[in-house]
C-alpha atoms as a PDB file:
ATOM      1  CA  UNK A   1       0.000   0.000   0.000  1.00  0.00           C
ATOM      2  CA  UNK A   2       1.201   3.522  -0.845  1.00  0.00           C
ATOM      3  CA  UNK A   3       1.927   5.863   2.061  1.00  0.00           C
ATOM      4  CA  UNK A   4       1.193   9.548   1.499  1.00  0.00           C
ATOM      5  CA  UNK A   5       2.004  12.365   3.907  1.00  0.00           C
ATOM      6  CA  UNK A   6      -0.179  15.455   3.517  1.00  0.00           C
ATOM      7  CA  UNK A   7       1.315  18.626   4.962  1.00  0.00           C
ATOM      8  CA  UNK A   8      -0.405  21.824   6.086  1.00  0.00           C
ATOM      9  CA  UNK A   9       1.144  24.971   7.555  1.00  0.00           C
ATOM     10  CA  UNK A  10      -1.695  25.785   9.954  1.00  0.00           C
ATOM     11  CA  UNK A  11      -4.600  23.779  11.384  1.00  0.00           C
ATOM     12  CA  UNK A  12      -7.117  26.097   9.691  1.00  0.00           C
ATOM     13  CA  UNK A  13      -5.949  24.737   6.313  1.00  0.00           C
ATOM     14  CA  UNK A  14      -6.368  21.041   7.125  1.00  0.00           C
ATOM     15  CA  UNK A  15      -8.762  19.027   4.988  1.00  0.00           C
ATOM     16  CA  UNK A  16      -9.428  15.312   5.146  1.00  0.00           C
ATOM     17  CA  UNK A  17      -8.064  13.500   2.138  1.00  0.00           C
ATOM     18  CA  UNK A  18      -8.894   9.917   1.234  1.00  0.00           C
ATOM     19  CA  UNK A  19      -6.988   8.256  -1.571  1.00  0.00           C
ATOM     20  CA  UNK A  20      -7.948   4.700  -2.575  1.00  0.00           C
ATOM     21  CA  UNK A  21      -5.280   2.087  -1.868  1.00  0.00           C
ATOM     22  CA  UNK A  22      -3.242   4.599   0.111  1.00  0.00           C
ATOM     23  CA  UNK A  23      -2.490   5.174   3.765  1.00  0.00           C
ATOM     24  CA  UNK A  24      -2.760   8.946   4.272  1.00  0.00           C
ATOM     25  CA  UNK A  25      -1.135  10.741   7.213  1.00  0.00           C
ATOM     26  CA  UNK A  26      -1.388  14.441   8.073  1.00  0.00           C
ATOM     27  CA  UNK A  27       1.416  16.672   9.324  1.00  0.00           C
ATOM     28  CA  UNK A  28       1.162  20.211  10.624  1.00  0.00           C
ATOM     29  CA  UNK A  29       4.427  21.948   9.671  1.00  0.00           C
ATOM     30  CA  UNK A  30       3.780  25.460  11.068  1.00  0.00           C
ATOM     31  CA  UNK A  31       4.604  28.736   9.315  1.00  0.00           C
ATOM     32  CA  UNK A  32       8.085  29.607   8.049  1.00  0.00           C
ATOM     33  CA  UNK A  33      10.927  27.681   6.468  1.00  0.00           C
ATOM     34  CA  UNK A  34      12.743  26.541   9.611  1.00  0.00           C
ATOM     35  CA  UNK A  35       9.614  25.278  11.356  1.00  0.00           C
ATOM     36  CA  UNK A  36       8.425  23.648   8.132  1.00  0.00           C
ATOM     37  CA  UNK A  37      11.630  21.751   7.432  1.00  0.00           C
ATOM     38  CA  UNK A  38      12.100  20.683  11.058  1.00  0.00           C
ATOM     39  CA  UNK A  39       8.545  19.460  11.555  1.00  0.00           C
ATOM     40  CA  UNK A  40       8.424  17.807   8.147  1.00  0.00           C
ATOM     41  CA  UNK A  41      11.689  15.917   8.676  1.00  0.00           C
ATOM     42  CA  UNK A  42      10.333  14.401  11.902  1.00  0.00           C
ATOM     43  CA  UNK A  43       7.239  13.163  10.053  1.00  0.00           C
ATOM     44  CA  UNK A  44       9.265  11.878   7.093  1.00  0.00           C
ATOM     45  CA  UNK A  45      11.298   9.686   9.447  1.00  0.00           C
ATOM     46  CA  UNK A  46       8.199   8.643  11.392  1.00  0.00           C
ATOM     47  CA  UNK A  47       5.958   7.670   8.468  1.00  0.00           C
ATOM     48  CA  UNK A  48       8.513   6.994   5.714  1.00  0.00           C
ATOM     49  CA  UNK A  49       6.023   8.117   3.025  1.00  0.00           C
ATOM     50  CA  UNK A  50       6.253   7.232  -0.643  1.00  0.00           C
ATOM     51  CA  UNK A  51       4.956  10.719  -1.515  1.00  0.00           C
ATOM     52  CA  UNK A  52       4.391  14.100   0.118  1.00  0.00           C
ATOM     53  CA  UNK A  53       1.433  16.245  -0.857  1.00  0.00           C
ATOM     54  CA  UNK A  54       1.797  19.838   0.404  1.00  0.00           C
ATOM     55  CA  UNK A  55      -1.677  21.402   0.593  1.00  0.00           C
ATOM     56  CA  UNK A  56      -2.525  24.930   1.643  1.00  0.00           C
ATOM     57  CA  UNK A  57      -2.916  28.570   0.742  1.00  0.00           C
ATOM     58  CA  UNK A  58      -0.847  31.120  -1.129  1.00  0.00           C
ATOM     59  CA  UNK A  59      -0.787  34.681  -2.381  1.00  0.00           C
ATOM     60  CA  UNK A  60      -0.253  35.728  -5.986  1.00  0.00           C
ATOM     61  CA  UNK A  61       0.379  38.556  -8.399  1.00  0.00           C
ATOM     62  CA  UNK A  62      -0.447  36.596 -11.547  1.00  0.00           C
ATOM     63  CA  UNK A  63      -3.684  34.773 -10.769  1.00  0.00           C
ATOM     64  CA  UNK A  64      -7.008  35.226  -8.977  1.00  0.00           C
ATOM     65  CA  UNK A  65      -8.420  34.410  -5.562  1.00  0.00           C
ATOM     66  CA  UNK A  66      -9.947  30.940  -5.817  1.00  0.00           C
ATOM     67  CA  UNK A  67      -7.486  29.581  -8.388  1.00  0.00           C
ATOM     68  CA  UNK A  68      -5.800  26.308  -7.440  1.00  0.00           C
ATOM     69  CA  UNK A  69      -2.153  25.982  -8.415  1.00  0.00           C
ATOM     70  CA  UNK A  70      -0.431  22.598  -8.642  1.00  0.00           C
ATOM     71  CA  UNK A  71       3.350  22.867  -8.653  1.00  0.00           C
ATOM     72  CA  UNK A  72       6.578  20.972  -8.362  1.00  0.00           C
ATOM     73  CA  UNK A  73       8.969  23.911  -8.878  1.00  0.00           C
ATOM     74  CA  UNK A  74      10.171  26.178  -6.056  1.00  0.00           C
ATOM     75  CA  UNK A  75      12.358  29.224  -5.474  1.00  0.00           C
ATOM     76  CA  UNK A  76      13.575  30.657  -2.186  1.00  0.00           C
ATOM     77  CA  UNK A  77      13.268  34.437  -2.363  1.00  0.00           C
ATOM     78  CA  UNK A  78      15.606  34.960   0.611  1.00  0.00           C
ATOM     79  CA  UNK A  79      18.387  32.788  -0.836  1.00  0.00           C
ATOM     80  CA  UNK A  80      17.869  34.280  -4.290  1.00  0.00           C
ATOM     81  CA  UNK A  81      19.010  37.656  -2.952  1.00  0.00           C
ATOM     82  CA  UNK A  82      22.298  35.970  -2.001  1.00  0.00           C
ATOM     83  CA  UNK A  83      22.918  34.758  -5.564  1.00  0.00           C
ATOM     84  CA  UNK A  84      26.496  36.058  -5.566  1.00  0.00           C
ATOM     85  CA  UNK A  85      27.217  33.532  -2.796  1.00  0.00           C
ATOM     86  CA  UNK A  86      25.956  30.710  -5.048  1.00  0.00           C
ATOM     87  CA  UNK A  87      23.140  29.754  -2.702  1.00  0.00           C
ATOM     88  CA  UNK A  88      20.924  26.886  -3.852  1.00  0.00           C
ATOM     89  CA  UNK A  89      17.698  28.858  -4.366  1.00  0.00           C
ATOM     90  CA  UNK A  90      15.845  26.787  -6.993  1.00  0.00           C
ATOM     91  CA  UNK A  91      14.397  23.277  -6.784  1.00  0.00           C
ATOM     92  CA  UNK A  92      12.602  21.917  -9.810  1.00  0.00           C
ATOM     93  CA  UNK A  93      10.700  18.845 -10.887  1.00  0.00           C
ATOM     94  CA  UNK A  94      10.152  17.476  -7.385  1.00  0.00           C
ATOM     95  CA  UNK A  95       7.546  15.011  -8.559  1.00  0.00           C
ATOM     96  CA  UNK A  96       8.223  13.823 -12.087  1.00  0.00           C
ATOM     97  CA  UNK A  97       5.094  13.341 -14.174  1.00  0.00           C
ATOM     98  CA  UNK A  98       2.217  15.295 -12.674  1.00  0.00           C
ATOM     99  CA  UNK A  99      -1.324  14.317 -13.713  1.00  0.00           C
ATOM    100  CA  UNK A 100      -3.227  16.804 -11.514  1.00  0.00           C
ATOM    101  CA  UNK A 101      -4.239  19.999 -13.322  1.00  0.00           C
ATOM    102  CA  UNK A 102      -4.136  23.489 -11.929  1.00  0.00           C
ATOM    103  CA  UNK A 103      -7.499  25.236 -12.139  1.00  0.00           C
ATOM    104  CA  UNK A 104      -7.100  28.831 -13.305  1.00  0.00           C
ATOM    105  CA  UNK A 105     -10.263  30.845 -13.847  1.00  0.00           C
ATOM    106  CA  UNK A 106     -12.221  27.589 -13.927  1.00  0.00           C
ATOM    107  CA  UNK A 107     -10.041  26.089 -16.693  1.00  0.00           C
ATOM    108  CA  UNK A 108      -7.669  23.142 -16.336  1.00  0.00           C
ATOM    109  CA  UNK A 109      -4.030  23.922 -17.092  1.00  0.00           C
ATOM    110  CA  UNK A 110      -0.888  21.829 -16.973  1.00  0.00           C
ATOM    111  CA  UNK A 111       1.648  24.666 -17.102  1.00  0.00           C
ATOM    112  CA  UNK A 112       4.754  24.588 -14.909  1.00  0.00           C
ATOM    113  CA  UNK A 113       3.934  26.880 -11.986  1.00  0.00           C
ATOM    114  CA  UNK A 114       6.524  28.131  -9.495  1.00  0.00           C
ATOM    115  CA  UNK A 115       6.063  28.494  -5.721  1.00  0.00           C
ATOM    116  CA  UNK A 116       8.047  31.417  -4.295  1.00  0.00           C
ATOM    117  CA  UNK A 117       8.938  30.827  -0.631  1.00  0.00           C
ATOM    118  CA  UNK A 118      10.387  33.137   1.986  1.00  0.00           C
ATOM    119  CA  UNK A 119      10.379  33.940   5.679  1.00  0.00           C
ATOM    120  CA  UNK A 120       8.123  36.938   5.350  1.00  0.00           C
ATOM    121  CA  UNK A 121       4.466  37.589   4.625  1.00  0.00           C
ATOM    122  CA  UNK A 122       4.661  39.324   1.238  1.00  0.00           C
ATOM    123  CA  UNK A 123       2.433  42.383   0.895  1.00  0.00           C
ATOM    124  CA  UNK A 124       3.894  43.874  -2.305  1.00  0.00           C
ATOM    125  CA  UNK A 125       5.025  42.380  -5.582  1.00  0.00           C
ATOM    126  CA  UNK A 126       8.504  43.876  -5.595  1.00  0.00           C
ATOM    127  CA  UNK A 127      11.049  41.440  -7.058  1.00  0.00           C
ATOM    128  CA  UNK A 128       8.784  38.387  -6.740  1.00  0.00           C
ATOM    129  CA  UNK A 129       9.600  35.590  -9.151  1.00  0.00           C
ATOM    130  CA  UNK A 130       7.044  32.827  -9.562  1.00  0.00           C
ATOM    131  CA  UNK A 131       3.310  32.298  -9.694  1.00  0.00           C
ATOM    132  CA  UNK A 132       2.373  32.035  -6.023  1.00  0.00           C
ATOM    133  CA  UNK A 133       4.032  32.902  -2.733  1.00  0.00           C
ATOM    134  CA  UNK A 134       4.104  31.006   0.542  1.00  0.00           C
ATOM    135  CA  UNK A 135       6.367  30.541   3.553  1.00  0.00           C
ATOM    136  CA  UNK A 136       6.990  26.762   3.543  1.00  0.00           C
ATOM    137  CA  UNK A 137       7.070  25.259   0.024  1.00  0.00           C
ATOM    138  CA  UNK A 138      10.772  25.548  -0.764  1.00  0.00           C
ATOM    139  CA  UNK A 139      11.739  24.194   2.656  1.00  0.00           C
ATOM    140  CA  UNK A 140       9.514  21.152   2.190  1.00  0.00           C
ATOM    141  CA  UNK A 141      10.906  20.643  -1.313  1.00  0.00           C
ATOM    142  CA  UNK A 142      14.436  20.758   0.111  1.00  0.00           C
ATOM    143  CA  UNK A 143      13.656  18.176   2.819  1.00  0.00           C
ATOM    144  CA  UNK A 144      11.967  15.835   0.344  1.00  0.00           C
ATOM    145  CA  UNK A 145      14.820  16.192  -2.143  1.00  0.00           C
ATOM    146  CA  UNK A 146      17.335  15.265   0.557  1.00  0.00           C
ATOM    147  CA  UNK A 147      15.430  12.038   1.274  1.00  0.00           C
ATOM    148  CA  UNK A 148      14.454  11.322  -2.361  1.00  0.00           C
ATOM    149  CA  UNK A 149      10.709  11.561  -1.715  1.00  0.00           C
ATOM    150  CA  UNK A 150       8.488  12.999  -4.487  1.00  0.00           C
ATOM    151  CA  UNK A 151       6.653  16.190  -3.473  1.00  0.00           C
ATOM    152  CA  UNK A 152       3.679  17.855  -5.126  1.00  0.00           C
ATOM    153  CA  UNK A 153       2.202  21.166  -3.967  1.00  0.00           C
ATOM    154  CA  UNK A 154      -1.483  22.119  -4.271  1.00  0.00           C
ATOM    155  CA  UNK A 155      -2.276  25.677  -3.190  1.00  0.00           C
ATOM    156  CA  UNK A 156      -5.506  27.669  -3.098  1.00  0.00           C
ATOM    157  CA  UNK A 157      -4.977  31.355  -3.885  1.00  0.00           C
ATOM    158  CA  UNK A 158      -6.388  33.389  -0.986  1.00  0.00           C
ATOM    159  CA  UNK A 159      -4.931  36.816  -1.616  1.00  0.00           C
ATOM    160  CA  UNK A 160      -3.525  39.205  -4.204  1.00  0.00           C
ATOM    161  CA  UNK A 161      -0.204  40.698  -3.127  1.00  0.00           C
ATOM    162  CA  UNK A 162      -0.428  44.350  -2.205  1.00  0.00           C
ATOM    163  CA  UNK A 163      -4.175  44.273  -1.500  1.00  0.00           C
ATOM    164  CA  UNK A 164      -4.216  43.934   2.304  1.00  0.00           C
ATOM    165  CA  UNK A 165      -2.948  40.368   1.964  1.00  0.00           C
ATOM    166  CA  UNK A 166      -2.835  39.415   5.668  1.00  0.00           C
ATOM    167  CA  UNK A 167      -6.482  40.305   6.233  1.00  0.00           C
ATOM    168  CA  UNK A 168      -7.552  38.650   2.954  1.00  0.00           C
ATOM    169  CA  UNK A 169      -5.702  35.441   3.881  1.00  0.00           C
ATOM    170  CA  UNK A 170      -7.366  35.183   7.297  1.00  0.00           C
ATOM    171  CA  UNK A 171     -10.814  35.790   5.816  1.00  0.00           C
ATOM    172  CA  UNK A 172     -10.358  33.237   3.027  1.00  0.00           C
ATOM    173  CA  UNK A 173      -9.206  30.205   5.051  1.00  0.00           C
ATOM    174  CA  UNK A 174     -12.662  28.590   5.287  1.00  0.00           C
ATOM    175  CA  UNK A 175     -13.252  29.234   1.600  1.00  0.00           C
ATOM    176  CA  UNK A 176      -9.866  27.681   0.826  1.00  0.00           C
ATOM    177  CA  UNK A 177     -10.768  24.485   2.719  1.00  0.00           C
ATOM    178  CA  UNK A 178     -14.030  24.205   0.780  1.00  0.00           C
ATOM    179  CA  UNK A 179     -12.298  24.876  -2.535  1.00  0.00           C
ATOM    180  CA  UNK A 180      -9.511  22.371  -1.904  1.00  0.00           C
ATOM    181  CA  UNK A 181     -11.963  19.708  -0.702  1.00  0.00           C
ATOM    182  CA  UNK A 182     -14.019  20.160  -3.884  1.00  0.00           C
ATOM    183  CA  UNK A 183     -10.835  20.032  -6.003  1.00  0.00           C
ATOM    184  CA  UNK A 184      -9.684  16.724  -4.523  1.00  0.00           C
ATOM    185  CA  UNK A 185     -13.178  15.246  -4.781  1.00  0.00           C
ATOM    186  CA  UNK A 186     -13.400  16.223  -8.451  1.00  0.00           C
ATOM    187  CA  UNK A 187     -10.003  14.774  -9.256  1.00  0.00           C
ATOM    188  CA  UNK A 188     -10.252  11.686  -7.023  1.00  0.00           C
ATOM    189  CA  UNK A 189      -9.641   9.295  -9.930  1.00  0.00           C
ATOM    190  CA  UNK A 190      -6.658  11.309 -11.135  1.00  0.00           C
ATOM    191  CA  UNK A 191      -5.308  11.367  -7.588  1.00  0.00           C
ATOM    192  CA  UNK A 192      -5.679   7.617  -7.267  1.00  0.00           C
ATOM    193  CA  UNK A 193      -3.780   7.147 -10.534  1.00  0.00           C
ATOM    194  CA  UNK A 194      -1.147   9.743  -9.546  1.00  0.00           C
ATOM    195  CA  UNK A 195      -0.177   7.977  -6.317  1.00  0.00           C
ATOM    196  CA  UNK A 196       0.067   4.309  -7.235  1.00  0.00           C
END
């Protein structure tokens, strides 16, 4: 049987996920890169999953509230600023062949979307590279890469950067849970095929 670890930054994001022929565990990683990597590593050693599915919320400049972005490419915006020191700030293709679509404006898309991660709550779009922003994705990608565990990220867009993002995010958490639950129910067969 396949073992899948689902990760969430905060308890308000948690949804129940059932995948046929899979044992699904849930991990709360907390907010920020250090907490995320530390808490995730403990769960990776405890459950020894075949896959990690990072589920949660994100902000954006390029998309709309309610869009769901599926990604396996990550950048670390803090490390990127230290490029002259040759910091490892990009992690790509953390999953291989992805069968889950992103849903942008109600349409399915299979583009390569990038999660931009940093240790700050972004409220402006200055120097942001990528499609969505969060505070844990890159750290989880790094941990999974170190242990050779495939990682796929599914994020519900809760806020547009620069438009009172903190307040928008807090107000949209319940909506995000509903949207993500509906997404995984709709793509249950794809999910089953993805994780076998």
